[in-house]
Amino acid sequence: MKTDRTAQRTAAPLRQQVVKLIREDILNGQLVPGQRLVEVAMCETYGVSRTVVREALRQLESEYLVSVLPNSGPIVTVLTQAEIKAIYVVRAALEGLAGKLFAQNASQKDCNAFLRLRDRLDRDYRKGDVDSREEFKAEFYAVLLRGGGNEVLKESLRSMHARIAMFRRFAFVDEARTEGSIVELEHIIDAAAKDRDAQAAWHWCEHHILEAADLAIYEYVRRNKDLASVA
């Protein structure tokens, strides 16, 4: 493990800081699927106690980024291609519903916020970097779910997004996927906020996620080709 990841003693709880550091190391590939997470080594890497490390790992287990194996302990979660596809089928259905509910329920204020995001696609997404694309998508979903007005769906999608954070990152770093994503996002925003077409909004939200599924599987297997379970 790298040795420059020590958590800082700031106002933020140490556990929260360590969760963020470990999550980033998993998403960036510093910690790879199947890798054992040894508490002693992690204490040294992040400069915290075993209690903090254990609490952080429990949080990441709830996000499905970490799995605990009997008699082996925690590892970075390993997924099969079938599991990834199944996750994206469910995600597509949830996001399709989110698009439909936005078109049906959103206030004019939320519609205007969505349309302003459309105007930022070129600057923040096409010409942006990983950070600006992640920030843009965070705002996109905040507006989409706020406008839909369904708290159960909002909580379900937040949990789903935490589970597939690794795969969402793939789309932000793959330049070949960028243009397709922009077109799909334009269609979603137009259908939901400008035309208030619930069926079209459902279709484009679902299509956007199903397109992302192919990239998720390809990149996961490519980056972890030594894993027998995804071969």
C-alpha atoms as a PDB file:
ATOM      1  CA  MET A   1       0.000   0.000   0.000  1.00  0.00           C
ATOM      2  CA  LYS A   2       1.032   3.581  -0.519  1.00  0.00           C
ATOM      3  CA  THR A   3       2.258   5.361   2.598  1.00  0.00           C
ATOM      4  CA  ASP A   4       1.076   8.911   1.895  1.00  0.00           C
ATOM      5  CA  ARG A   5      -2.601   8.337   2.707  1.00  0.00           C
ATOM      6  CA  THR A   6      -2.575   9.303   6.382  1.00  0.00           C
ATOM      7  CA  ALA A   7      -5.878  10.722   7.603  1.00  0.00           C
ATOM      8  CA  GLN A   8      -5.655  14.302   8.830  1.00  0.00           C
ATOM      9  CA  ARG A   9      -6.720  15.320  12.339  1.00  0.00           C
ATOM     10  CA  THR A  10      -9.454  17.759  11.350  1.00  0.00           C
ATOM     11  CA  ALA A  11     -12.983  18.502  12.479  1.00  0.00           C
ATOM     12  CA  ALA A  12     -14.319  15.686  10.269  1.00  0.00           C
ATOM     13  CA  PRO A  13     -14.566  12.341  12.124  1.00  0.00           C
ATOM     14  CA  LEU A  14     -11.576  10.098  11.459  1.00  0.00           C
ATOM     15  CA  ARG A  15     -13.827   7.225  10.417  1.00  0.00           C
ATOM     16  CA  GLN A  16     -15.431   9.401   7.762  1.00  0.00           C
ATOM     17  CA  GLN A  17     -12.024  10.447   6.451  1.00  0.00           C
ATOM     18  CA  VAL A  18     -10.749   6.879   6.319  1.00  0.00           C
ATOM     19  CA  VAL A  19     -13.910   5.655   4.567  1.00  0.00           C
ATOM     20  CA  LYS A  20     -13.320   8.323   1.920  1.00  0.00           C
ATOM     21  CA  LEU A  21      -9.631   7.421   1.522  1.00  0.00           C
ATOM     22  CA  ILE A  22     -10.262   3.677   1.209  1.00  0.00           C
ATOM     23  CA  ARG A  23     -13.191   4.258  -1.160  1.00  0.00           C
ATOM     24  CA  GLU A  24     -11.006   6.409  -3.403  1.00  0.00           C
ATOM     25  CA  ASP A  25      -8.226   3.813  -3.350  1.00  0.00           C
ATOM     26  CA  ILE A  26     -10.723   1.160  -4.487  1.00  0.00           C
ATOM     27  CA  LEU A  27     -12.262   3.352  -7.183  1.00  0.00           C
ATOM     28  CA  ASN A  28      -8.850   4.425  -8.480  1.00  0.00           C
ATOM     29  CA  GLY A  29      -7.515   0.878  -8.584  1.00  0.00           C
ATOM     30  CA  GLN A  30      -4.958   1.257  -5.789  1.00  0.00           C
ATOM     31  CA  LEU A  31      -6.866  -1.529  -4.062  1.00  0.00           C
ATOM     32  CA  VAL A  32      -8.001  -4.149  -6.572  1.00  0.00           C
ATOM     33  CA  PRO A  33     -10.885  -6.661  -6.505  1.00  0.00           C
ATOM     34  CA  GLY A  34      -9.999  -9.702  -4.453  1.00  0.00           C
ATOM     35  CA  GLN A  35      -7.214  -7.953  -2.532  1.00  0.00           C
ATOM     36  CA  ARG A  36      -7.131  -8.757   1.177  1.00  0.00           C
ATOM     37  CA  LEU A  37      -7.518  -5.744   3.437  1.00  0.00           C
ATOM     38  CA  VAL A  38      -5.147  -6.399   6.322  1.00  0.00           C
ATOM     39  CA  GLU A  39      -6.009  -4.271   9.326  1.00  0.00           C
ATOM     40  CA  VAL A  40      -2.436  -3.818  10.568  1.00  0.00           C
ATOM     41  CA  ALA A  41      -1.239  -2.629   7.149  1.00  0.00           C
ATOM     42  CA  MET A  42      -4.247  -0.324   6.791  1.00  0.00           C
ATOM     43  CA  CYS A  43      -3.603   1.213  10.216  1.00  0.00           C
ATOM     44  CA  GLU A  44      -0.098   2.069   9.051  1.00  0.00           C
ATOM     45  CA  THR A  45      -1.221   3.354   5.680  1.00  0.00           C
ATOM     46  CA  TYR A  46      -3.969   5.633   6.974  1.00  0.00           C
ATOM     47  CA  GLY A  47      -2.386   6.463  10.331  1.00  0.00           C
ATOM     48  CA  VAL A  48      -5.346   5.421  12.478  1.00  0.00           C
ATOM     49  CA  SER A  49      -6.280   2.762  15.022  1.00  0.00           C
ATOM     50  CA  ARG A  50      -7.680  -0.689  14.269  1.00  0.00           C
ATOM     51  CA  THR A  51     -11.017   0.442  15.700  1.00  0.00           C
ATOM     52  CA  VAL A  52     -11.285   3.212  13.088  1.00  0.00           C
ATOM     53  CA  VAL A  53     -10.228   0.843  10.294  1.00  0.00           C
ATOM     54  CA  ARG A  54     -12.826  -1.740  11.338  1.00  0.00           C
ATOM     55  CA  GLU A  55     -15.579   0.894  11.463  1.00  0.00           C
ATOM     56  CA  ALA A  56     -14.566   2.160   8.014  1.00  0.00           C
ATOM     57  CA  LEU A  57     -14.576  -1.347   6.558  1.00  0.00           C
ATOM     58  CA  ARG A  58     -18.039  -1.999   7.979  1.00  0.00           C
ATOM     59  CA  GLN A  59     -19.281   1.160   6.250  1.00  0.00           C
ATOM     60  CA  LEU A  60     -17.704   0.109   2.952  1.00  0.00           C
ATOM     61  CA  GLU A  61     -19.179  -3.370   3.333  1.00  0.00           C
ATOM     62  CA  SER A  62     -22.616  -1.723   3.476  1.00  0.00           C
ATOM     63  CA  GLU A  63     -21.723   0.007   0.172  1.00  0.00           C
ATOM     64  CA  TYR A  64     -20.739  -3.366  -1.336  1.00  0.00           C
ATOM     65  CA  LEU A  65     -17.199  -2.179  -2.014  1.00  0.00           C
ATOM     66  CA  VAL A  66     -15.816  -4.550   0.625  1.00  0.00           C
ATOM     67  CA  SER A  67     -16.777  -8.178   1.299  1.00  0.00           C
ATOM     68  CA  VAL A  68     -15.952 -10.212   4.400  1.00  0.00           C
ATOM     69  CA  LEU A  69     -15.018 -13.837   3.705  1.00  0.00           C
ATOM     70  CA  PRO A  70     -15.330 -16.500   6.422  1.00  0.00           C
ATOM     71  CA  ASN A  71     -11.914 -17.391   7.882  1.00  0.00           C
ATOM     72  CA  SER A  72     -10.223 -14.866   5.578  1.00  0.00           C
ATOM     73  CA  GLY A  73     -11.482 -11.437   6.571  1.00  0.00           C
ATOM     74  CA  PRO A  74     -12.263  -8.385   4.426  1.00  0.00           C
ATOM     75  CA  ILE A  75     -11.361  -8.130   0.745  1.00  0.00           C
ATOM     76  CA  VAL A  76     -12.175  -5.687  -2.037  1.00  0.00           C
ATOM     77  CA  THR A  77     -15.419  -7.005  -3.506  1.00  0.00           C
ATOM     78  CA  VAL A  78     -15.180  -9.212  -6.581  1.00  0.00           C
ATOM     79  CA  LEU A  79     -18.088  -9.266  -9.020  1.00  0.00           C
ATOM     80  CA  THR A  80     -18.937 -11.545 -11.918  1.00  0.00           C
ATOM     81  CA  GLN A  81     -20.115 -10.282 -15.286  1.00  0.00           C
ATOM     82  CA  ALA A  82     -23.579 -11.678 -14.519  1.00  0.00           C
ATOM     83  CA  GLU A  83     -23.716  -9.749 -11.243  1.00  0.00           C
ATOM     84  CA  ILE A  84     -22.688  -6.501 -12.913  1.00  0.00           C
ATOM     85  CA  LYS A  85     -25.320  -6.954 -15.615  1.00  0.00           C
ATOM     86  CA  ALA A  86     -27.988  -7.721 -13.004  1.00  0.00           C
ATOM     87  CA  ILE A  87     -27.097  -4.566 -11.059  1.00  0.00           C
ATOM     88  CA  TYR A  88     -27.416  -2.439 -14.184  1.00  0.00           C
ATOM     89  CA  VAL A  89     -30.760  -3.959 -15.172  1.00  0.00           C
ATOM     90  CA  VAL A  90     -32.154  -2.889 -11.796  1.00  0.00           C
ATOM     91  CA  ARG A  91     -30.448   0.495 -11.988  1.00  0.00           C
ATOM     92  CA  ALA A  92     -31.902   1.107 -15.462  1.00  0.00           C
ATOM     93  CA  ALA A  93     -35.416   0.373 -14.212  1.00  0.00           C
ATOM     94  CA  LEU A  94     -35.017   2.697 -11.219  1.00  0.00           C
ATOM     95  CA  GLU A  95     -33.590   5.536 -13.292  1.00  0.00           C
ATOM     96  CA  GLY A  96     -36.268   5.101 -15.938  1.00  0.00           C
ATOM     97  CA  LEU A  97     -38.852   5.585 -13.201  1.00  0.00           C
ATOM     98  CA  ALA A  98     -36.937   8.635 -11.934  1.00  0.00           C
ATOM     99  CA  GLY A  99     -37.137  10.229 -15.376  1.00  0.00           C
ATOM    100  CA  LYS A 100     -40.845   9.509 -15.652  1.00  0.00           C
ATOM    101  CA  LEU A 101     -41.612  10.949 -12.211  1.00  0.00           C
ATOM    102  CA  PHE A 102     -39.598  14.084 -12.953  1.00  0.00           C
ATOM    103  CA  ALA A 103     -41.586  14.717 -16.146  1.00  0.00           C
ATOM    104  CA  GLN A 104     -44.847  14.224 -14.253  1.00  0.00           C
ATOM    105  CA  ASN A 105     -44.097  15.991 -10.970  1.00  0.00           C
ATOM    106  CA  ALA A 106     -41.256  18.487 -11.253  1.00  0.00           C
ATOM    107  CA  SER A 107     -41.828  22.151 -10.507  1.00  0.00           C
ATOM    108  CA  GLN A 108     -40.902  24.792 -13.039  1.00  0.00           C
ATOM    109  CA  LYS A 109     -37.970  25.695 -10.788  1.00  0.00           C
ATOM    110  CA  ASP A 110     -36.604  22.147 -11.050  1.00  0.00           C
ATOM    111  CA  CYS A 111     -37.189  22.118 -14.808  1.00  0.00           C
ATOM    112  CA  ASN A 112     -35.233  25.333 -15.143  1.00  0.00           C
ATOM    113  CA  ALA A 113     -32.419  23.860 -13.042  1.00  0.00           C
ATOM    114  CA  PHE A 114     -32.328  20.823 -15.344  1.00  0.00           C
ATOM    115  CA  LEU A 115     -32.200  23.011 -18.453  1.00  0.00           C
ATOM    116  CA  ARG A 116     -29.343  25.044 -16.972  1.00  0.00           C
ATOM    117  CA  LEU A 117     -27.436  21.791 -16.539  1.00  0.00           C
ATOM    118  CA  ARG A 118     -27.969  21.103 -20.235  1.00  0.00           C
ATOM    119  CA  ASP A 119     -26.244  24.389 -21.016  1.00  0.00           C
ATOM    120  CA  ARG A 120     -23.202  23.256 -19.011  1.00  0.00           C
ATOM    121  CA  LEU A 121     -22.713  19.932 -20.804  1.00  0.00           C
ATOM    122  CA  ASP A 122     -20.094  21.238 -23.215  1.00  0.00           C
ATOM    123  CA  ARG A 123     -18.014  23.018 -20.562  1.00  0.00           C
ATOM    124  CA  ASP A 124     -18.292  20.594 -17.655  1.00  0.00           C
ATOM    125  CA  TYR A 125     -18.633  17.275 -19.463  1.00  0.00           C
ATOM    126  CA  ARG A 126     -17.224  17.389 -22.991  1.00  0.00           C
ATOM    127  CA  LYS A 127     -14.320  19.712 -22.123  1.00  0.00           C
ATOM    128  CA  GLY A 128     -14.157  18.728 -18.476  1.00  0.00           C
ATOM    129  CA  ASP A 129     -12.157  16.180 -16.522  1.00  0.00           C
ATOM    130  CA  VAL A 130     -13.065  13.314 -14.195  1.00  0.00           C
ATOM    131  CA  ASP A 131     -13.786  15.684 -11.303  1.00  0.00           C
ATOM    132  CA  SER A 132     -16.021  18.049 -13.274  1.00  0.00           C
ATOM    133  CA  ARG A 133     -17.926  15.108 -14.814  1.00  0.00           C
ATOM    134  CA  GLU A 134     -18.499  13.538 -11.417  1.00  0.00           C
ATOM    135  CA  GLU A 135     -19.678  16.866 -10.030  1.00  0.00           C
ATOM    136  CA  PHE A 136     -21.984  17.368 -13.004  1.00  0.00           C
ATOM    137  CA  LYS A 137     -23.571  13.929 -12.608  1.00  0.00           C
ATOM    138  CA  ALA A 138     -24.016  14.515  -8.875  1.00  0.00           C
ATOM    139  CA  GLU A 139     -25.958  17.709  -9.646  1.00  0.00           C
ATOM    140  CA  PHE A 140     -27.880  15.943 -12.435  1.00  0.00           C
ATOM    141  CA  TYR A 141     -29.136  13.270 -10.042  1.00  0.00           C
ATOM    142  CA  ALA A 142     -29.832  15.760  -7.270  1.00  0.00           C
ATOM    143  CA  VAL A 143     -32.167  17.699  -9.593  1.00  0.00           C
ATOM    144  CA  LEU A 144     -33.681  14.563 -11.162  1.00  0.00           C
ATOM    145  CA  LEU A 145     -34.563  12.997  -7.810  1.00  0.00           C
ATOM    146  CA  ARG A 146     -35.698  16.240  -6.203  1.00  0.00           C
ATOM    147  CA  GLY A 147     -38.033  16.904  -9.105  1.00  0.00           C
ATOM    148  CA  GLY A 148     -39.465  13.396  -9.014  1.00  0.00           C
ATOM    149  CA  GLY A 149     -40.578  13.881  -5.437  1.00  0.00           C
ATOM    150  CA  ASN A 150     -40.328  10.224  -4.369  1.00  0.00           C
ATOM    151  CA  GLU A 151     -38.208   9.758  -1.250  1.00  0.00           C
ATOM    152  CA  VAL A 152     -38.225   5.953  -1.442  1.00  0.00           C
ATOM    153  CA  LEU A 153     -36.871   6.040  -4.980  1.00  0.00           C
ATOM    154  CA  LYS A 154     -34.308   8.679  -3.979  1.00  0.00           C
ATOM    155  CA  GLU A 155     -32.964   6.501  -1.169  1.00  0.00           C
ATOM    156  CA  SER A 156     -32.942   3.386  -3.370  1.00  0.00           C
ATOM    157  CA  LEU A 157     -30.950   5.115  -6.096  1.00  0.00           C
ATOM    158  CA  ARG A 158     -28.495   6.626  -3.644  1.00  0.00           C
ATOM    159  CA  SER A 159     -27.793   3.134  -2.332  1.00  0.00           C
ATOM    160  CA  MET A 160     -27.479   1.803  -5.880  1.00  0.00           C
ATOM    161  CA  HIS A 161     -25.080   4.587  -6.889  1.00  0.00           C
ATOM    162  CA  ALA A 162     -22.862   3.813  -3.912  1.00  0.00           C
ATOM    163  CA  ARG A 163     -22.791   0.170  -4.959  1.00  0.00           C
ATOM    164  CA  ILE A 164     -21.731   0.906  -8.533  1.00  0.00           C
ATOM    165  CA  ALA A 165     -19.430   3.872  -7.843  1.00  0.00           C
ATOM    166  CA  MET A 166     -16.511   1.996  -9.386  1.00  0.00           C
ATOM    167  CA  PHE A 167     -18.357   1.547 -12.680  1.00  0.00           C
ATOM    168  CA  ARG A 168     -19.579   5.132 -12.835  1.00  0.00           C
ATOM    169  CA  ARG A 169     -15.950   6.227 -12.631  1.00  0.00           C
ATOM    170  CA  PHE A 170     -15.179   4.189 -15.791  1.00  0.00           C
ATOM    171  CA  ALA A 171     -17.579   6.343 -17.804  1.00  0.00           C
ATOM    172  CA  PHE A 172     -15.932   9.537 -16.593  1.00  0.00           C
ATOM    173  CA  VAL A 173     -12.455   8.482 -17.730  1.00  0.00           C
ATOM    174  CA  ASP A 174     -13.453   6.889 -21.047  1.00  0.00           C
ATOM    175  CA  GLU A 175     -13.342   9.643 -23.672  1.00  0.00           C
ATOM    176  CA  ALA A 176     -14.996   7.393 -26.254  1.00  0.00           C
ATOM    177  CA  ARG A 177     -18.057   7.190 -24.007  1.00  0.00           C
ATOM    178  CA  THR A 178     -18.241  10.950 -23.423  1.00  0.00           C
ATOM    179  CA  GLU A 179     -20.019  11.962 -26.616  1.00  0.00           C
ATOM    180  CA  GLY A 180     -22.617   9.233 -26.306  1.00  0.00           C
ATOM    181  CA  SER A 181     -23.289  10.232 -22.710  1.00  0.00           C
ATOM    182  CA  ILE A 182     -23.759  13.867 -23.701  1.00  0.00           C
ATOM    183  CA  VAL A 183     -26.331  12.992 -26.369  1.00  0.00           C
ATOM    184  CA  GLU A 184     -28.216  10.780 -23.928  1.00  0.00           C
ATOM    185  CA  LEU A 185     -28.193  13.428 -21.196  1.00  0.00           C
ATOM    186  CA  GLU A 186     -29.481  16.023 -23.658  1.00  0.00           C
ATOM    187  CA  HIS A 187     -32.357  13.712 -24.585  1.00  0.00           C
ATOM    188  CA  ILE A 188     -33.167  13.036 -20.929  1.00  0.00           C
ATOM    189  CA  ILE A 189     -33.238  16.715 -20.004  1.00  0.00           C
ATOM    190  CA  ASP A 190     -35.249  17.731 -23.076  1.00  0.00           C
ATOM    191  CA  ALA A 191     -37.813  14.967 -22.569  1.00  0.00           C
ATOM    192  CA  ALA A 192     -38.198  15.478 -18.827  1.00  0.00           C
ATOM    193  CA  ALA A 193     -37.863  19.247 -18.406  1.00  0.00           C
ATOM    194  CA  LYS A 194     -38.732  20.827 -21.743  1.00  0.00           C
ATOM    195  CA  ASP A 195     -41.320  18.473 -23.274  1.00  0.00           C
ATOM    196  CA  ARG A 196     -42.597  16.948 -20.001  1.00  0.00           C
ATOM    197  CA  ASP A 197     -42.848  13.654 -21.896  1.00  0.00           C
ATOM    198  CA  ALA A 198     -42.860  10.958 -19.207  1.00  0.00           C
ATOM    199  CA  GLN A 199     -42.519   8.035 -21.602  1.00  0.00           C
ATOM    200  CA  ALA A 200     -39.592   9.558 -23.491  1.00  0.00           C
ATOM    201  CA  ALA A 201     -37.883  10.527 -20.240  1.00  0.00           C
ATOM    202  CA  TRP A 202     -38.250   6.942 -18.993  1.00  0.00           C
ATOM    203  CA  HIS A 203     -36.848   5.597 -22.270  1.00  0.00           C
ATOM    204  CA  TRP A 204     -33.779   7.842 -22.365  1.00  0.00           C
ATOM    205  CA  CYS A 205     -32.925   7.357 -18.680  1.00  0.00           C
ATOM    206  CA  GLU A 206     -33.140   3.604 -19.107  1.00  0.00           C
ATOM    207  CA  HIS A 207     -31.183   3.685 -22.376  1.00  0.00           C
ATOM    208  CA  HIS A 208     -28.441   5.793 -20.778  1.00  0.00           C
ATOM    209  CA  ILE A 209     -27.864   3.182 -18.072  1.00  0.00           C
ATOM    210  CA  LEU A 210     -28.050   0.133 -20.325  1.00  0.00           C
ATOM    211  CA  GLU A 211     -25.414   1.697 -22.577  1.00  0.00           C
ATOM    212  CA  ALA A 212     -23.222   2.274 -19.542  1.00  0.00           C
ATOM    213  CA  ALA A 213     -23.586  -1.389 -18.534  1.00  0.00           C
ATOM    214  CA  ASP A 214     -21.572  -2.637 -21.502  1.00  0.00           C
ATOM    215  CA  LEU A 215     -18.712  -0.273 -20.628  1.00  0.00           C
ATOM    216  CA  ALA A 216     -18.865  -1.287 -16.961  1.00  0.00           C
ATOM    217  CA  ILE A 217     -18.477  -4.970 -17.769  1.00  0.00           C
ATOM    218  CA  TYR A 218     -15.762  -4.395 -20.366  1.00  0.00           C
ATOM    219  CA  GLU A 219     -13.649  -2.137 -18.154  1.00  0.00           C
ATOM    220  CA  TYR A 220     -14.051  -4.267 -15.035  1.00  0.00           C
ATOM    221  CA  VAL A 221     -12.934  -7.406 -16.851  1.00  0.00           C
ATOM    222  CA  ARG A 222     -10.125  -5.593 -18.684  1.00  0.00           C
ATOM    223  CA  ARG A 223      -8.727  -4.094 -15.494  1.00  0.00           C
ATOM    224  CA  ASN A 224      -9.120  -7.306 -13.511  1.00  0.00           C
ATOM    225  CA  LYS A 225      -8.462  -9.969 -16.140  1.00  0.00           C
ATOM    226  CA  ASP A 226      -6.618 -12.205 -13.652  1.00  0.00           C
ATOM    227  CA  LEU A 227      -9.793 -12.802 -11.662  1.00  0.00           C
ATOM    228  CA  ALA A 228     -11.197 -16.199 -12.523  1.00  0.00           C
ATOM    229  CA  SER A 229     -14.694 -15.164 -11.441  1.00  0.00           C
ATOM    230  CA  VAL A 230     -14.971 -12.533 -14.185  1.00  0.00           C
ATOM    231  CA  ALA A 231     -13.097 -14.425 -16.870  1.00  0.00           C
END
